[in-house]
């Protein structure tokens, strides 16, 4: 299975409502999401299911990315801010064949990428906003995955 773990694009500091989950992407964040979608499309991820946190910045990232892939987006509670890896692993396991894209928040997305590639006790993958870890994994167990690439739009 090929798994892409995405941290949402760059977001506004505040939201109109004052709620963190309502913060929207900046122009840079929208550009990051579109770039990731184009990059993943070139890598053959067209049609891959995209699972996303329901926070505005994550849904916007997932939607822009999925538009480039011609993919559906599903909102899942497990990917919300403060979500637990133990709630995300069953989602990944249920899609063990093919390709899956997850869009969420730190620290969980960095911890998940690190857990799947390096095992328990390591957090050496730090996903910045608008970045993604591409992981090849057959068995959804700690340390069983191989980090294929870290994707992020240049800072230019």
N, C-alpha and C. Protein backbone atom coordinates (compact mmCIF):
# COMPACT_ATOMS: atom_id res chain seq x y z
N UNK A 1 0.84 -1.19 0.00
CA UNK A 1 0.00 0.00 0.00
C UNK A 1 0.88 1.24 0.00
N UNK A 2 0.42 2.26 -0.70
CA UNK A 2 1.09 3.56 -0.67
C UNK A 2 0.20 4.51 0.12
N UNK A 3 0.80 5.12 1.12
CA UNK A 3 0.09 6.02 2.03
C UNK A 3 0.74 7.39 1.96
N UNK A 4 -0.09 8.41 1.80
CA UNK A 4 0.40 9.79 1.83
C UNK A 4 -0.20 10.46 3.05
N UNK A 5 0.67 10.95 3.93
CA UNK A 5 0.23 11.65 5.14
C UNK A 5 0.54 13.13 4.94
N UNK A 6 -0.51 13.96 4.94
CA UNK A 6 -0.40 15.38 4.61
C UNK A 6 -0.73 16.23 5.83
N UNK A 7 0.10 17.21 6.09
CA UNK A 7 -0.27 18.25 7.06
C UNK A 7 -0.91 19.37 6.26
N UNK A 8 -2.04 19.85 6.71
CA UNK A 8 -2.78 20.92 6.01
C UNK A 8 -1.86 22.06 5.60
N UNK A 9 -2.30 22.82 4.60
CA UNK A 9 -1.53 23.98 4.13
C UNK A 9 -1.52 25.11 5.15
N UNK A 10 -0.68 26.09 4.87
CA UNK A 10 -0.53 27.28 5.73
C UNK A 10 -1.89 27.93 5.93
N UNK A 11 -2.22 28.21 7.20
CA UNK A 11 -3.54 28.75 7.54
C UNK A 11 -3.43 30.13 8.18
N UNK A 12 -4.55 30.85 8.11
CA UNK A 12 -4.67 32.14 8.78
C UNK A 12 -4.47 31.95 10.28
N UNK A 13 -3.98 32.98 10.96
CA UNK A 13 -3.76 32.89 12.41
C UNK A 13 -5.08 32.83 13.18
N UNK A 14 -6.09 33.51 12.67
CA UNK A 14 -7.37 33.59 13.36
C UNK A 14 -8.50 33.28 12.39
N UNK A 15 -9.67 32.99 12.96
CA UNK A 15 -10.87 32.79 12.13
C UNK A 15 -11.89 33.85 12.51
N UNK A 16 -12.86 34.06 11.63
CA UNK A 16 -13.92 35.02 11.89
C UNK A 16 -14.69 34.65 13.15
N UNK A 17 -14.89 33.35 13.36
CA UNK A 17 -15.66 32.88 14.51
C UNK A 17 -14.85 32.85 15.80
N UNK A 18 -13.51 32.91 15.66
CA UNK A 18 -12.64 32.78 16.82
C UNK A 18 -12.31 31.34 17.16
N UNK A 19 -12.94 30.39 16.45
CA UNK A 19 -12.69 28.97 16.70
C UNK A 19 -11.53 28.49 15.84
N UNK A 20 -10.62 27.75 16.44
CA UNK A 20 -9.45 27.24 15.74
C UNK A 20 -9.84 26.40 14.53
N UNK A 21 -10.86 25.56 14.67
CA UNK A 21 -11.22 24.67 13.56
C UNK A 21 -11.79 25.42 12.36
N UNK A 22 -12.11 26.70 12.52
CA UNK A 22 -12.64 27.49 11.41
C UNK A 22 -11.57 28.28 10.65
N UNK A 23 -10.31 28.18 11.09
CA UNK A 23 -9.24 28.90 10.39
C UNK A 23 -9.11 28.38 8.96
N UNK A 24 -9.00 29.30 8.01
CA UNK A 24 -8.93 28.94 6.60
C UNK A 24 -7.51 29.06 6.07
N UNK A 25 -7.29 28.49 4.90
CA UNK A 25 -5.98 28.56 4.26
C UNK A 25 -5.66 29.97 3.79
N UNK A 26 -4.39 30.31 3.86
CA UNK A 26 -3.89 31.54 3.23
C UNK A 26 -3.72 31.26 1.74
N UNK A 27 -3.37 32.28 0.99
CA UNK A 27 -3.06 32.08 -0.43
C UNK A 27 -1.94 31.07 -0.58
N UNK A 28 -0.92 31.20 0.25
CA UNK A 28 0.19 30.24 0.21
C UNK A 28 -0.30 28.82 0.49
N UNK A 29 -1.17 28.67 1.47
CA UNK A 29 -1.72 27.35 1.80
C UNK A 29 -2.49 26.73 0.65
N UNK A 30 -3.26 27.56 -0.06
CA UNK A 30 -3.99 27.06 -1.23
C UNK A 30 -3.02 26.64 -2.33
N UNK A 31 -1.97 27.43 -2.51
CA UNK A 31 -0.95 27.07 -3.51
C UNK A 31 -0.24 25.77 -3.13
N UNK A 32 0.05 25.59 -1.84
CA UNK A 32 0.69 24.36 -1.37
C UNK A 32 -0.18 23.14 -1.67
N UNK A 33 -1.47 23.26 -1.38
CA UNK A 33 -2.39 22.14 -1.59
C UNK A 33 -2.51 21.79 -3.07
N UNK A 34 -2.62 22.81 -3.91
CA UNK A 34 -2.69 22.57 -5.35
C UNK A 34 -1.42 21.92 -5.86
N UNK A 35 -0.27 22.41 -5.39
CA UNK A 35 1.02 21.85 -5.80
C UNK A 35 1.12 20.38 -5.38
N UNK A 36 0.71 20.07 -4.15
CA UNK A 36 0.74 18.68 -3.70
C UNK A 36 -0.14 17.80 -4.57
N UNK A 37 -1.33 18.30 -4.92
CA UNK A 37 -2.22 17.54 -5.79
C UNK A 37 -1.60 17.26 -7.14
N UNK A 38 -0.99 18.28 -7.73
CA UNK A 38 -0.33 18.10 -9.03
C UNK A 38 0.83 17.11 -8.92
N UNK A 39 1.62 17.23 -7.87
CA UNK A 39 2.77 16.35 -7.66
C UNK A 39 2.32 14.90 -7.47
N UNK A 40 1.28 14.70 -6.67
CA UNK A 40 0.77 13.34 -6.45
C UNK A 40 0.13 12.77 -7.72
N UNK A 41 -0.51 13.62 -8.50
CA UNK A 41 -1.09 13.16 -9.76
C UNK A 41 0.01 12.64 -10.69
N UNK A 42 1.10 13.38 -10.78
CA UNK A 42 2.23 12.95 -11.62
C UNK A 42 2.83 11.64 -11.11
N UNK A 43 2.68 11.38 -9.80
CA UNK A 43 3.21 10.15 -9.20
C UNK A 43 2.22 8.99 -9.30
N UNK A 44 1.07 9.21 -9.96
CA UNK A 44 0.12 8.13 -10.18
C UNK A 44 -0.95 7.95 -9.12
N UNK A 45 -1.21 8.99 -8.33
CA UNK A 45 -2.19 8.87 -7.26
C UNK A 45 -3.61 9.27 -7.68
N UNK A 46 -3.85 9.47 -8.97
CA UNK A 46 -5.18 9.85 -9.43
C UNK A 46 -6.22 8.84 -8.94
N UNK A 47 -7.34 9.35 -8.45
CA UNK A 47 -8.43 8.50 -8.00
C UNK A 47 -8.28 7.96 -6.59
N UNK A 48 -7.18 8.26 -5.92
CA UNK A 48 -6.97 7.76 -4.55
C UNK A 48 -7.95 8.40 -3.59
N UNK A 49 -8.45 7.63 -2.65
CA UNK A 49 -9.34 8.17 -1.63
C UNK A 49 -8.57 9.14 -0.74
N UNK A 50 -9.20 10.29 -0.44
CA UNK A 50 -8.61 11.30 0.43
C UNK A 50 -9.47 11.39 1.69
N UNK A 51 -8.88 11.09 2.84
CA UNK A 51 -9.56 11.22 4.12
C UNK A 51 -9.04 12.47 4.81
N UNK A 52 -9.94 13.27 5.40
CA UNK A 52 -9.53 14.55 5.97
C UNK A 52 -10.20 14.84 7.30
N UNK A 53 -9.47 15.58 8.11
CA UNK A 53 -10.05 16.24 9.28
C UNK A 53 -11.17 17.15 8.77
N UNK A 54 -12.14 17.45 9.62
CA UNK A 54 -13.22 18.34 9.19
C UNK A 54 -12.91 19.82 9.47
N UNK A 55 -11.74 20.11 10.03
CA UNK A 55 -11.35 21.51 10.24
C UNK A 55 -11.25 22.21 8.89
N UNK A 56 -11.63 23.47 8.83
CA UNK A 56 -11.69 24.20 7.55
C UNK A 56 -10.38 24.12 6.77
N UNK A 57 -9.25 24.35 7.44
CA UNK A 57 -7.97 24.36 6.72
C UNK A 57 -7.61 22.99 6.15
N UNK A 58 -8.00 21.93 6.84
CA UNK A 58 -7.73 20.57 6.35
C UNK A 58 -8.66 20.23 5.19
N UNK A 59 -9.94 20.55 5.33
CA UNK A 59 -10.89 20.28 4.24
C UNK A 59 -10.51 21.06 2.99
N UNK A 60 -10.11 22.32 3.16
CA UNK A 60 -9.68 23.10 1.99
C UNK A 60 -8.46 22.47 1.34
N UNK A 61 -7.50 22.03 2.15
CA UNK A 61 -6.31 21.36 1.61
C UNK A 61 -6.72 20.09 0.87
N UNK A 62 -7.54 19.27 1.51
CA UNK A 62 -7.97 18.00 0.91
C UNK A 62 -8.74 18.22 -0.38
N UNK A 63 -9.61 19.22 -0.40
CA UNK A 63 -10.43 19.49 -1.58
C UNK A 63 -9.57 19.94 -2.76
N UNK A 64 -8.66 20.87 -2.52
CA UNK A 64 -7.77 21.34 -3.59
C UNK A 64 -6.89 20.20 -4.11
N UNK A 65 -6.38 19.41 -3.21
CA UNK A 65 -5.54 18.27 -3.57
C UNK A 65 -6.37 17.25 -4.37
N UNK A 66 -7.56 16.93 -3.87
CA UNK A 66 -8.42 15.93 -4.52
C UNK A 66 -8.90 16.38 -5.89
N UNK A 67 -9.10 17.69 -6.08
CA UNK A 67 -9.49 18.20 -7.40
C UNK A 67 -8.45 17.83 -8.44
N UNK A 68 -7.18 17.92 -8.08
CA UNK A 68 -6.10 17.58 -9.01
C UNK A 68 -6.03 16.08 -9.27
N UNK A 69 -6.48 15.30 -8.28
CA UNK A 69 -6.42 13.84 -8.40
C UNK A 69 -7.71 13.23 -8.95
N UNK A 70 -8.76 14.04 -9.04
CA UNK A 70 -10.05 13.49 -9.43
C UNK A 70 -10.54 12.48 -8.39
N UNK A 71 -10.31 12.81 -7.14
CA UNK A 71 -10.57 11.88 -6.03
C UNK A 71 -11.70 12.36 -5.14
N UNK A 72 -12.37 11.41 -4.47
CA UNK A 72 -13.35 11.79 -3.46
C UNK A 72 -12.67 12.18 -2.15
N UNK A 73 -13.35 13.02 -1.37
CA UNK A 73 -12.86 13.41 -0.04
C UNK A 73 -13.90 12.97 0.99
N UNK A 74 -13.43 12.32 2.04
CA UNK A 74 -14.29 11.94 3.15
C UNK A 74 -13.75 12.59 4.42
N UNK A 75 -14.65 13.22 5.19
CA UNK A 75 -14.26 13.80 6.47
C UNK A 75 -14.32 12.72 7.54
N UNK A 76 -13.27 12.66 8.37
CA UNK A 76 -13.25 11.67 9.45
C UNK A 76 -12.83 12.33 10.76
N UNK A 77 -13.54 12.02 11.80
CA UNK A 77 -13.30 12.60 13.12
C UNK A 77 -11.91 12.28 13.65
N UNK A 78 -11.41 11.09 13.34
CA UNK A 78 -10.11 10.64 13.87
C UNK A 78 -8.96 11.55 13.45
N UNK A 79 -9.12 12.29 12.35
CA UNK A 79 -8.04 13.16 11.87
C UNK A 79 -8.13 14.59 12.40
N UNK A 80 -9.10 14.86 13.27
CA UNK A 80 -9.24 16.20 13.85
C UNK A 80 -8.06 16.52 14.76
N UNK A 81 -7.87 17.81 15.00
CA UNK A 81 -6.84 18.25 15.94
C UNK A 81 -7.04 17.53 17.26
N UNK A 82 -5.99 16.99 17.80
CA UNK A 82 -6.09 16.23 19.04
C UNK A 82 -6.45 14.77 18.82
N UNK A 83 -6.60 14.37 17.55
CA UNK A 83 -6.92 12.98 17.24
C UNK A 83 -5.80 12.04 17.67
N UNK A 84 -6.14 10.80 17.87
CA UNK A 84 -5.20 9.80 18.35
C UNK A 84 -4.80 8.84 17.22
N UNK A 85 -3.54 8.48 17.21
CA UNK A 85 -3.04 7.53 16.22
C UNK A 85 -3.83 6.22 16.30
N UNK A 86 -4.19 5.82 17.51
CA UNK A 86 -4.93 4.57 17.69
C UNK A 86 -6.28 4.59 16.99
N UNK A 87 -6.82 5.78 16.73
CA UNK A 87 -8.08 5.90 16.00
C UNK A 87 -7.87 5.96 14.49
N UNK A 88 -6.67 6.35 14.08
CA UNK A 88 -6.36 6.48 12.65
C UNK A 88 -5.90 5.16 12.05
N UNK A 89 -5.16 4.37 12.81
CA UNK A 89 -4.63 3.11 12.28
C UNK A 89 -5.71 2.19 11.71
N UNK A 90 -6.89 2.04 12.34
CA UNK A 90 -7.93 1.21 11.73
C UNK A 90 -8.40 1.74 10.37
N UNK A 91 -8.40 3.06 10.19
CA UNK A 91 -8.76 3.63 8.88
C UNK A 91 -7.77 3.20 7.82
N UNK A 92 -6.49 3.24 8.16
CA UNK A 92 -5.44 2.84 7.23
C UNK A 92 -5.55 1.35 6.95
N UNK A 93 -5.75 0.56 7.98
CA UNK A 93 -5.86 -0.90 7.82
C UNK A 93 -7.02 -1.29 6.93
N UNK A 94 -8.11 -0.53 6.99
CA UNK A 94 -9.29 -0.87 6.18
C UNK A 94 -9.08 -0.56 4.69
N UNK A 95 -8.01 0.15 4.36
CA UNK A 95 -7.68 0.48 2.97
C UNK A 95 -6.32 -0.08 2.60
N UNK A 96 -5.99 -1.25 3.10
CA UNK A 96 -4.64 -1.79 2.96
C UNK A 96 -4.18 -1.98 1.52
N UNK A 97 -5.08 -2.10 0.59
CA UNK A 97 -4.63 -2.25 -0.80
C UNK A 97 -4.77 -0.91 -1.51
N UNK A 98 -3.91 -0.64 -2.43
CA UNK A 98 -4.00 0.58 -3.21
C UNK A 98 -3.32 1.77 -2.57
N UNK A 99 -3.95 2.92 -2.73
CA UNK A 99 -3.36 4.18 -2.28
C UNK A 99 -4.36 4.96 -1.45
N UNK A 100 -3.86 5.63 -0.43
CA UNK A 100 -4.70 6.39 0.49
C UNK A 100 -3.98 7.67 0.86
N UNK A 101 -4.73 8.78 0.93
CA UNK A 101 -4.19 10.08 1.33
C UNK A 101 -4.92 10.52 2.60
N UNK A 102 -4.16 10.88 3.63
CA UNK A 102 -4.71 11.39 4.88
C UNK A 102 -4.31 12.85 5.04
N UNK A 103 -5.26 13.71 5.39
CA UNK A 103 -4.97 15.13 5.61
C UNK A 103 -5.37 15.48 7.05
N UNK A 104 -4.38 15.94 7.82
CA UNK A 104 -4.65 16.24 9.22
C UNK A 104 -3.73 17.29 9.79
N UNK A 105 -3.48 17.16 11.09
CA UNK A 105 -2.79 18.19 11.87
C UNK A 105 -1.60 17.61 12.63
N UNK A 106 -0.66 18.48 12.95
CA UNK A 106 0.41 18.10 13.87
C UNK A 106 -0.13 18.22 15.29
N UNK A 107 0.37 17.48 16.24
CA UNK A 107 1.53 16.60 16.11
C UNK A 107 1.20 15.22 15.54
N UNK A 108 -0.11 14.90 15.42
CA UNK A 108 -0.49 13.54 15.06
C UNK A 108 0.06 13.08 13.71
N UNK A 109 0.03 13.93 12.67
CA UNK A 109 0.49 13.45 11.36
C UNK A 109 1.99 13.15 11.37
N UNK A 110 2.78 13.97 12.05
CA UNK A 110 4.22 13.70 12.14
C UNK A 110 4.48 12.44 12.97
N UNK A 111 3.75 12.29 14.06
CA UNK A 111 3.89 11.09 14.89
C UNK A 111 3.50 9.83 14.13
N UNK A 112 2.42 9.91 13.35
CA UNK A 112 1.97 8.75 12.57
C UNK A 112 3.00 8.35 11.53
N UNK A 113 3.51 9.33 10.79
CA UNK A 113 4.54 9.03 9.78
C UNK A 113 5.77 8.41 10.42
N UNK A 114 6.18 8.96 11.55
CA UNK A 114 7.35 8.43 12.26
C UNK A 114 7.10 7.03 12.80
N UNK A 115 5.93 6.80 13.37
CA UNK A 115 5.59 5.49 13.92
C UNK A 115 5.61 4.42 12.84
N UNK A 116 4.98 4.71 11.71
CA UNK A 116 4.88 3.71 10.65
C UNK A 116 6.23 3.40 10.00
N UNK A 117 7.14 4.36 9.99
CA UNK A 117 8.43 4.14 9.33
C UNK A 117 9.55 3.77 10.28
N UNK A 118 9.48 4.22 11.53
CA UNK A 118 10.60 4.01 12.46
C UNK A 118 10.25 3.25 13.73
N UNK A 119 8.98 3.09 13.99
CA UNK A 119 8.57 2.36 15.18
C UNK A 119 8.27 3.25 16.37
N UNK A 120 7.97 2.63 17.47
CA UNK A 120 7.58 3.32 18.70
C UNK A 120 8.78 4.06 19.29
N UNK A 121 8.53 5.27 19.78
CA UNK A 121 9.58 6.02 20.47
C UNK A 121 10.38 6.96 19.60
N UNK A 122 10.09 7.00 18.32
CA UNK A 122 10.82 7.89 17.41
C UNK A 122 9.85 8.90 16.80
N UNK A 123 10.28 10.14 16.72
CA UNK A 123 9.52 11.15 15.98
C UNK A 123 10.51 11.99 15.21
N UNK A 124 11.06 11.40 14.17
CA UNK A 124 12.07 12.10 13.39
C UNK A 124 11.52 12.67 12.08
N UNK A 125 10.25 12.45 11.80
CA UNK A 125 9.63 13.08 10.63
C UNK A 125 8.79 14.24 11.14
N UNK A 126 9.18 15.44 10.76
CA UNK A 126 8.46 16.64 11.17
C UNK A 126 7.80 17.26 9.93
N UNK A 127 6.51 17.08 9.81
CA UNK A 127 5.80 17.64 8.67
C UNK A 127 5.45 19.10 8.92
N UNK A 128 5.94 19.95 8.05
CA UNK A 128 5.61 21.38 8.11
C UNK A 128 4.28 21.59 7.39
N UNK A 129 3.70 22.77 7.54
CA UNK A 129 2.43 23.03 6.85
C UNK A 129 2.62 22.84 5.36
N UNK A 130 1.62 22.21 4.75
CA UNK A 130 1.64 22.00 3.30
C UNK A 130 2.62 20.94 2.84
N UNK A 131 3.07 20.07 3.73
CA UNK A 131 4.01 19.03 3.33
C UNK A 131 3.36 17.65 3.47
N UNK A 132 4.01 16.65 2.86
CA UNK A 132 3.47 15.30 2.87
C UNK A 132 4.58 14.28 2.95
N UNK A 133 4.29 13.17 3.61
CA UNK A 133 5.19 12.02 3.66
C UNK A 133 4.57 10.92 2.81
N UNK A 134 5.33 10.40 1.87
CA UNK A 134 4.89 9.29 1.01
C UNK A 134 5.52 8.02 1.57
N UNK A 135 4.68 7.10 2.01
CA UNK A 135 5.14 5.89 2.71
C UNK A 135 4.66 4.64 1.98
N UNK A 136 5.56 3.71 1.76
CA UNK A 136 5.23 2.38 1.23
C UNK A 136 5.12 1.45 2.43
N UNK A 137 3.99 0.77 2.57
CA UNK A 137 3.81 -0.10 3.73
C UNK A 137 2.89 -1.26 3.37
N UNK A 138 3.26 -2.45 3.78
CA UNK A 138 2.44 -3.63 3.52
C UNK A 138 1.65 -4.03 4.77
N UNK A 139 2.32 -4.12 5.90
CA UNK A 139 1.66 -4.45 7.16
C UNK A 139 1.58 -3.18 8.00
N UNK A 140 0.38 -2.86 8.47
CA UNK A 140 0.18 -1.63 9.22
C UNK A 140 0.60 -1.86 10.67
N UNK A 141 1.91 -1.91 10.87
CA UNK A 141 2.49 -2.08 12.21
C UNK A 141 3.66 -1.11 12.34
N UNK A 142 3.97 -0.70 13.57
CA UNK A 142 5.08 0.25 13.77
C UNK A 142 6.38 -0.23 13.13
N UNK A 143 7.00 0.68 12.39
CA UNK A 143 8.30 0.42 11.79
C UNK A 143 8.27 -0.36 10.50
N UNK A 144 7.10 -0.79 10.03
CA UNK A 144 7.02 -1.63 8.83
C UNK A 144 7.07 -0.84 7.52
N UNK A 145 6.88 0.47 7.59
CA UNK A 145 6.84 1.28 6.38
C UNK A 145 8.19 1.82 5.98
N UNK A 146 8.28 2.20 4.71
CA UNK A 146 9.48 2.82 4.17
C UNK A 146 9.11 4.21 3.67
N UNK A 147 9.82 5.22 4.16
CA UNK A 147 9.60 6.58 3.69
C UNK A 147 10.15 6.69 2.28
N UNK A 148 9.27 6.93 1.31
CA UNK A 148 9.67 7.05 -0.09
C UNK A 148 10.09 8.48 -0.44
N UNK A 149 9.38 9.46 0.16
CA UNK A 149 9.67 10.85 -0.18
C UNK A 149 8.99 11.77 0.82
N UNK A 150 9.57 12.94 1.00
CA UNK A 150 8.93 14.05 1.71
C UNK A 150 8.66 15.12 0.67
N UNK A 151 7.42 15.55 0.55
CA UNK A 151 7.03 16.52 -0.47
C UNK A 151 6.68 17.85 0.17
N UNK A 152 7.24 18.92 -0.38
CA UNK A 152 6.88 20.27 0.07
C UNK A 152 7.23 21.25 -1.02
N UNK A 153 6.31 22.16 -1.29
CA UNK A 153 6.54 23.21 -2.27
C UNK A 153 7.72 24.05 -1.82
N UNK A 154 8.60 24.43 -2.74
CA UNK A 154 9.75 25.27 -2.40
C UNK A 154 9.29 26.55 -1.72
N UNK A 155 10.14 27.07 -0.86
CA UNK A 155 9.82 28.29 -0.11
C UNK A 155 10.03 29.57 -0.91
N UNK A 156 10.34 29.45 -2.18
CA UNK A 156 10.59 30.66 -3.00
C UNK A 156 9.40 31.58 -3.01
